[in-house]
C-alpha atoms as a PDB file:
ATOM      1  CA  UNK A   1      15.144 -37.104 -53.005  1.00  0.00           C
ATOM      2  CA  UNK A   2      12.386 -35.954 -50.777  1.00  0.00           C
ATOM      3  CA  UNK A   3      13.076 -35.604 -47.008  1.00  0.00           C
ATOM      4  CA  UNK A   4      10.115 -35.157 -44.737  1.00  0.00           C
ATOM      5  CA  UNK A   5      10.512 -33.425 -41.411  1.00  0.00           C
ATOM      6  CA  UNK A   6       8.436 -35.233 -38.950  1.00  0.00           C
ATOM      7  CA  UNK A   7       9.710 -33.322 -35.983  1.00  0.00           C
ATOM      8  CA  UNK A   8       7.342 -30.834 -34.647  1.00  0.00           C
ATOM      9  CA  UNK A   9       8.287 -28.259 -31.956  1.00  0.00           C
ATOM     10  CA  UNK A  10       6.191 -25.974 -29.845  1.00  0.00           C
ATOM     11  CA  UNK A  11       4.999 -22.716 -31.133  1.00  0.00           C
ATOM     12  CA  UNK A  12       5.814 -19.571 -29.391  1.00  0.00           C
ATOM     13  CA  UNK A  13       2.186 -19.188 -28.223  1.00  0.00           C
ATOM     14  CA  UNK A  14       2.125 -22.602 -26.595  1.00  0.00           C
ATOM     15  CA  UNK A  15       5.348 -21.867 -24.758  1.00  0.00           C
ATOM     16  CA  UNK A  16       3.963 -18.566 -23.467  1.00  0.00           C
ATOM     17  CA  UNK A  17       0.762 -20.152 -22.205  1.00  0.00           C
ATOM     18  CA  UNK A  18       2.696 -22.816 -20.532  1.00  0.00           C
ATOM     19  CA  UNK A  19       5.020 -20.342 -18.863  1.00  0.00           C
ATOM     20  CA  UNK A  20       2.008 -18.292 -17.626  1.00  0.00           C
ATOM     21  CA  UNK A  21       0.277 -21.415 -16.173  1.00  0.00           C
ATOM     22  CA  UNK A  22       3.517 -22.367 -14.387  1.00  0.00           C
ATOM     23  CA  UNK A  23       4.013 -18.878 -12.948  1.00  0.00           C
ATOM     24  CA  UNK A  24       0.532 -18.701 -11.618  1.00  0.00           C
ATOM     25  CA  UNK A  25       0.969 -22.177  -9.813  1.00  0.00           C
ATOM     26  CA  UNK A  26       4.276 -21.190  -8.429  1.00  0.00           C
ATOM     27  CA  UNK A  27       3.001 -17.891  -7.208  1.00  0.00           C
ATOM     28  CA  UNK A  28       0.120 -19.648  -5.465  1.00  0.00           C
ATOM     29  CA  UNK A  29       2.506 -22.111  -3.912  1.00  0.00           C
ATOM     30  CA  UNK A  30       4.796 -19.322  -2.581  1.00  0.00           C
ATOM     31  CA  UNK A  31       1.853 -17.514  -1.123  1.00  0.00           C
ATOM     32  CA  UNK A  32       0.681 -20.720   0.745  1.00  0.00           C
ATOM     33  CA  UNK A  33       4.337 -21.113   1.992  1.00  0.00           C
ATOM     34  CA  UNK A  34       4.554 -17.554   3.135  1.00  0.00           C
ATOM     35  CA  UNK A  35       1.131 -17.759   4.941  1.00  0.00           C
ATOM     36  CA  UNK A  36       2.174 -20.949   6.617  1.00  0.00           C
ATOM     37  CA  UNK A  37       5.377 -19.311   7.939  1.00  0.00           C
ATOM     38  CA  UNK A  38       3.558 -16.335   9.305  1.00  0.00           C
ATOM     39  CA  UNK A  39       0.979 -18.599  11.151  1.00  0.00           C
ATOM     40  CA  UNK A  40       3.863 -20.729  12.467  1.00  0.00           C
ATOM     41  CA  UNK A  41       5.575 -17.574  13.756  1.00  0.00           C
ATOM     42  CA  UNK A  42       2.375 -16.379  15.442  1.00  0.00           C
ATOM     43  CA  UNK A  43       1.771 -19.731  17.044  1.00  0.00           C
ATOM     44  CA  UNK A  44       5.426 -19.861  18.419  1.00  0.00           C
ATOM     45  CA  UNK A  45       5.069 -16.354  19.819  1.00  0.00           C
ATOM     46  CA  UNK A  46       1.696 -17.337  21.422  1.00  0.00           C
ATOM     47  CA  UNK A  47       3.210 -20.443  22.844  1.00  0.00           C
ATOM     48  CA  UNK A  48       6.059 -18.429  24.310  1.00  0.00           C
ATOM     49  CA  UNK A  49       3.696 -16.005  25.817  1.00  0.00           C
ATOM     50  CA  UNK A  50       1.686 -18.831  27.552  1.00  0.00           C
ATOM     51  CA  UNK A  51       4.945 -20.388  28.819  1.00  0.00           C
ATOM     52  CA  UNK A  52       6.248 -17.122  30.226  1.00  0.00           C
ATOM     53  CA  UNK A  53       3.037 -16.284  32.019  1.00  0.00           C
ATOM     54  CA  UNK A  54       2.654 -19.966  33.273  1.00  0.00           C
ATOM     55  CA  UNK A  55       6.190 -19.811  34.704  1.00  0.00           C
ATOM     56  CA  UNK A  56       5.372 -16.471  36.425  1.00  0.00           C
ATOM     57  CA  UNK A  57       2.061 -17.843  37.798  1.00  0.00           C
ATOM     58  CA  UNK A  58       3.950 -20.916  39.105  1.00  0.00           C
ATOM     59  CA  UNK A  59       6.583 -18.829  40.885  1.00  0.00           C
ATOM     60  CA  UNK A  60       4.036 -16.483  42.373  1.00  0.00           C
ATOM     61  CA  UNK A  61       1.575 -19.026  43.459  1.00  0.00           C
ATOM     62  CA  UNK A  62       4.112 -21.286  45.094  1.00  0.00           C
ATOM     63  CA  UNK A  63       5.504 -18.304  47.136  1.00  0.00           C
ATOM     64  CA  UNK A  64       1.955 -17.023  48.106  1.00  0.00           C
ATOM     65  CA  UNK A  65       0.752 -20.504  48.948  1.00  0.00           C
ATOM     66  CA  UNK A  66       3.660 -20.759  51.509  1.00  0.00           C
ATOM     67  CA  UNK A  67       3.283 -17.248  52.923  1.00  0.00           C
ATOM     68  CA  UNK A  68       3.161 -16.771  56.690  1.00  0.00           C
ATOM     69  CA  UNK A  69       1.009 -14.342  58.703  1.00  0.00           C
ATOM     70  CA  UNK A  70       3.058 -11.256  59.785  1.00  0.00           C
ATOM     71  CA  UNK A  71       2.622 -11.374  63.532  1.00  0.00           C
ATOM     72  CA  UNK A  72       4.993  -8.398  64.180  1.00  0.00           C
ATOM     73  CA  UNK A  73       3.840  -6.188  61.343  1.00  0.00           C
ATOM     74  CA  UNK A  74       7.292  -5.782  59.872  1.00  0.00           C
ATOM     75  CA  UNK A  75       6.400  -6.649  56.169  1.00  0.00           C
ATOM     76  CA  UNK A  76       2.652  -6.025  55.974  1.00  0.00           C
ATOM     77  CA  UNK A  77       0.171  -4.893  58.713  1.00  0.00           C
ATOM     78  CA  UNK A  78       0.330  -6.620  62.036  1.00  0.00           C
ATOM     79  CA  UNK A  79      -1.578  -9.930  61.922  1.00  0.00           C
ATOM     80  CA  UNK A  80      -2.049  -9.581  58.186  1.00  0.00           C
ATOM     81  CA  UNK A  81      -1.288 -12.061  55.462  1.00  0.00           C
ATOM     82  CA  UNK A  82      -0.953  -9.822  52.547  1.00  0.00           C
ATOM     83  CA  UNK A  83      -0.819  -6.190  51.529  1.00  0.00           C
ATOM     84  CA  UNK A  84      -1.617  -4.798  48.001  1.00  0.00           C
ATOM     85  CA  UNK A  85      -1.095  -1.126  47.551  1.00  0.00           C
ATOM     86  CA  UNK A  86       0.126   1.078  44.789  1.00  0.00           C
ATOM     87  CA  UNK A  87       0.394  -1.862  42.485  1.00  0.00           C
ATOM     88  CA  UNK A  88       2.864  -3.788  44.750  1.00  0.00           C
ATOM     89  CA  UNK A  89       1.623  -7.097  46.464  1.00  0.00           C
ATOM     90  CA  UNK A  90       3.729  -7.760  49.615  1.00  0.00           C
ATOM     91  CA  UNK A  91       3.765 -10.785  52.038  1.00  0.00           C
ATOM     92  CA  UNK A  92       5.983 -12.664  54.425  1.00  0.00           C
ATOM     93  CA  UNK A  93       7.236 -15.703  52.562  1.00  0.00           C
ATOM     94  CA  UNK A  94       8.069 -19.080  53.955  1.00  0.00           C
ATOM     95  CA  UNK A  95      11.571 -18.142  54.801  1.00  0.00           C
ATOM     96  CA  UNK A  96      10.368 -15.206  56.855  1.00  0.00           C
ATOM     97  CA  UNK A  97      11.536 -12.677  54.375  1.00  0.00           C
ATOM     98  CA  UNK A  98       9.350  -9.894  53.008  1.00  0.00           C
ATOM     99  CA  UNK A  99       8.681 -10.637  49.326  1.00  0.00           C
ATOM    100  CA  UNK A 100       6.920  -8.407  46.674  1.00  0.00           C
ATOM    101  CA  UNK A 101       5.454  -8.618  43.259  1.00  0.00           C
ATOM    102  CA  UNK A 102       4.725  -5.837  40.822  1.00  0.00           C
ATOM    103  CA  UNK A 103       4.249  -4.891  37.144  1.00  0.00           C
ATOM    104  CA  UNK A 104       7.025  -2.681  35.855  1.00  0.00           C
ATOM    105  CA  UNK A 105       7.772  -1.813  32.192  1.00  0.00           C
ATOM    106  CA  UNK A 106       5.489  -4.682  30.802  1.00  0.00           C
ATOM    107  CA  UNK A 107       7.276  -7.314  32.917  1.00  0.00           C
ATOM    108  CA  UNK A 108       6.394  -8.996  36.169  1.00  0.00           C
ATOM    109  CA  UNK A 109       9.008  -8.281  38.755  1.00  0.00           C
ATOM    110  CA  UNK A 110       9.713  -9.712  42.247  1.00  0.00           C
ATOM    111  CA  UNK A 111      11.801  -8.556  45.244  1.00  0.00           C
ATOM    112  CA  UNK A 112      12.959 -10.540  48.286  1.00  0.00           C
ATOM    113  CA  UNK A 113      14.441  -8.979  51.370  1.00  0.00           C
ATOM    114  CA  UNK A 114      17.042 -10.575  53.466  1.00  0.00           C
ATOM    115  CA  UNK A 115      14.910 -10.404  56.609  1.00  0.00           C
ATOM    116  CA  UNK A 116      11.218  -9.839  57.550  1.00  0.00           C
ATOM    117  CA  UNK A 117      11.456  -6.041  57.340  1.00  0.00           C
ATOM    118  CA  UNK A 118      10.301  -3.949  54.315  1.00  0.00           C
ATOM    119  CA  UNK A 119      12.241  -5.272  51.260  1.00  0.00           C
ATOM    120  CA  UNK A 120      15.377  -3.474  50.138  1.00  0.00           C
ATOM    121  CA  UNK A 121      17.259  -4.079  47.054  1.00  0.00           C
ATOM    122  CA  UNK A 122      16.290  -4.329  43.428  1.00  0.00           C
ATOM    123  CA  UNK A 123      13.330  -5.947  41.714  1.00  0.00           C
ATOM    124  CA  UNK A 124      14.279  -8.699  39.276  1.00  0.00           C
ATOM    125  CA  UNK A 125      12.039  -9.830  36.384  1.00  0.00           C
ATOM    126  CA  UNK A 126      10.314 -13.010  36.349  1.00  0.00           C
ATOM    127  CA  UNK A 127       9.060 -12.655  32.805  1.00  0.00           C
ATOM    128  CA  UNK A 128      11.272 -12.033  29.799  1.00  0.00           C
ATOM    129  CA  UNK A 129      11.136  -9.516  26.944  1.00  0.00           C
ATOM    130  CA  UNK A 130       9.493 -12.166  24.854  1.00  0.00           C
ATOM    131  CA  UNK A 131       6.042 -11.193  26.296  1.00  0.00           C
ATOM    132  CA  UNK A 132       4.412  -7.921  26.991  1.00  0.00           C
ATOM    133  CA  UNK A 133       2.408  -8.075  30.343  1.00  0.00           C
ATOM    134  CA  UNK A 134      -0.220  -5.342  30.077  1.00  0.00           C
ATOM    135  CA  UNK A 135      -1.950  -5.967  33.410  1.00  0.00           C
ATOM    136  CA  UNK A 136      -1.219  -7.504  36.902  1.00  0.00           C
ATOM    137  CA  UNK A 137      -3.598  -7.319  39.736  1.00  0.00           C
ATOM    138  CA  UNK A 138      -4.188  -9.159  43.014  1.00  0.00           C
ATOM    139  CA  UNK A 139      -7.637  -9.574  44.687  1.00  0.00           C
ATOM    140  CA  UNK A 140      -8.308 -10.895  48.091  1.00  0.00           C
ATOM    141  CA  UNK A 141     -10.544 -13.549  46.721  1.00  0.00           C
ATOM    142  CA  UNK A 142     -13.490 -12.700  49.108  1.00  0.00           C
ATOM    143  CA  UNK A 143     -11.457 -13.039  52.185  1.00  0.00           C
ATOM    144  CA  UNK A 144      -9.787 -10.192  54.232  1.00  0.00           C
ATOM    145  CA  UNK A 145      -6.182  -9.436  53.699  1.00  0.00           C
ATOM    146  CA  UNK A 146      -5.934  -9.688  57.414  1.00  0.00           C
ATOM    147  CA  UNK A 147      -8.218 -12.520  58.027  1.00  0.00           C
ATOM    148  CA  UNK A 148      -8.323 -13.882  61.512  1.00  0.00           C
ATOM    149  CA  UNK A 149     -10.945 -16.438  61.280  1.00  0.00           C
ATOM    150  CA  UNK A 150     -10.960 -17.404  57.568  1.00  0.00           C
ATOM    151  CA  UNK A 151      -8.279 -18.662  55.372  1.00  0.00           C
ATOM    152  CA  UNK A 152      -6.848 -16.050  53.018  1.00  0.00           C
ATOM    153  CA  UNK A 153      -7.257 -16.393  49.358  1.00  0.00           C
ATOM    154  CA  UNK A 154      -5.492 -14.334  46.551  1.00  0.00           C
ATOM    155  CA  UNK A 155      -6.782 -14.170  43.047  1.00  0.00           C
ATOM    156  CA  UNK A 156      -4.106 -13.230  40.506  1.00  0.00           C
ATOM    157  CA  UNK A 157      -5.120 -11.638  37.298  1.00  0.00           C
ATOM    158  CA  UNK A 158      -2.536 -11.248  34.389  1.00  0.00           C
ATOM    159  CA  UNK A 159      -3.133  -9.713  30.906  1.00  0.00           C
ATOM    160  CA  UNK A 160      -0.383 -10.492  28.359  1.00  0.00           C
ATOM    161  CA  UNK A 161       0.085  -9.686  24.791  1.00  0.00           C
ATOM    162  CA  UNK A 162       2.318 -11.447  22.252  1.00  0.00           C
ATOM    163  CA  UNK A 163       5.056  -9.491  20.500  1.00  0.00           C
ATOM    164  CA  UNK A 164       4.226 -10.930  17.207  1.00  0.00           C
ATOM    165  CA  UNK A 165       0.862 -10.142  15.881  1.00  0.00           C
ATOM    166  CA  UNK A 166      -1.964  -8.931  18.078  1.00  0.00           C
ATOM    167  CA  UNK A 167      -2.713 -12.005  20.197  1.00  0.00           C
ATOM    168  CA  UNK A 168      -3.638 -11.312  23.832  1.00  0.00           C
ATOM    169  CA  UNK A 169      -4.783 -13.563  26.643  1.00  0.00           C
ATOM    170  CA  UNK A 170      -6.034 -13.097  30.197  1.00  0.00           C
ATOM    171  CA  UNK A 171      -4.899 -15.544  32.827  1.00  0.00           C
ATOM    172  CA  UNK A 172      -6.461 -15.941  36.360  1.00  0.00           C
ATOM    173  CA  UNK A 173      -5.803 -18.280  39.236  1.00  0.00           C
ATOM    174  CA  UNK A 174      -6.752 -18.264  42.957  1.00  0.00           C
ATOM    175  CA  UNK A 175      -4.366 -19.283  45.661  1.00  0.00           C
ATOM    176  CA  UNK A 176      -4.844 -20.003  49.336  1.00  0.00           C
ATOM    177  CA  UNK A 177      -2.228 -20.278  52.043  1.00  0.00           C
ATOM    178  CA  UNK A 178      -1.116 -23.890  53.121  1.00  0.00           C
ATOM    179  CA  UNK A 179      -0.271 -22.420  56.570  1.00  0.00           C
ATOM    180  CA  UNK A 180      -3.649 -22.205  58.286  1.00  0.00           C
ATOM    181  CA  UNK A 181      -4.368 -19.066  60.120  1.00  0.00           C
ATOM    182  CA  UNK A 182      -4.248 -19.711  63.816  1.00  0.00           C
ATOM    183  CA  UNK A 183      -5.681 -17.591  66.636  1.00  0.00           C
ATOM    184  CA  UNK A 184      -2.990 -15.151  68.030  1.00  0.00           C
ATOM    185  CA  UNK A 185      -3.508 -14.766  71.726  1.00  0.00           C
END
């Protein structure tokens, strides 16, 4: 009796070539996945940076917009709207309390006094550790800090850097007081 074996298997070489092609495809897919995760992590860090600085801008602009002229000179110079010296921005807020902003240890910080005199107490951060603030400055926006006849404007500049990767961004806004300067007679 003659039995023919019609079943054919794969040779060792065919199996090795198939395995090599499969390994190259899987390695490529893993690299794409790892790259996508890195890009997503960077984008989330950038989004967090923008959210943090946007919150700080909103907090500062709201307070500055409602600032009062210091008629007695208890917080800033007499008849002045703002003061910016030694990296600390001071003004009399809408509640009549002396308020300050500054950059400290890569965070924007604020301090509010219980009265109109020079602030006492501790500064508190208004940005978290999720973002590194590398620069904070206040400019008088072309008006005088102690403007009598023109409306005071403040330009705020913030430079921030993401903790993941090397993304950095510069923010700028200009704020004017809502309380109009009136003559002081």
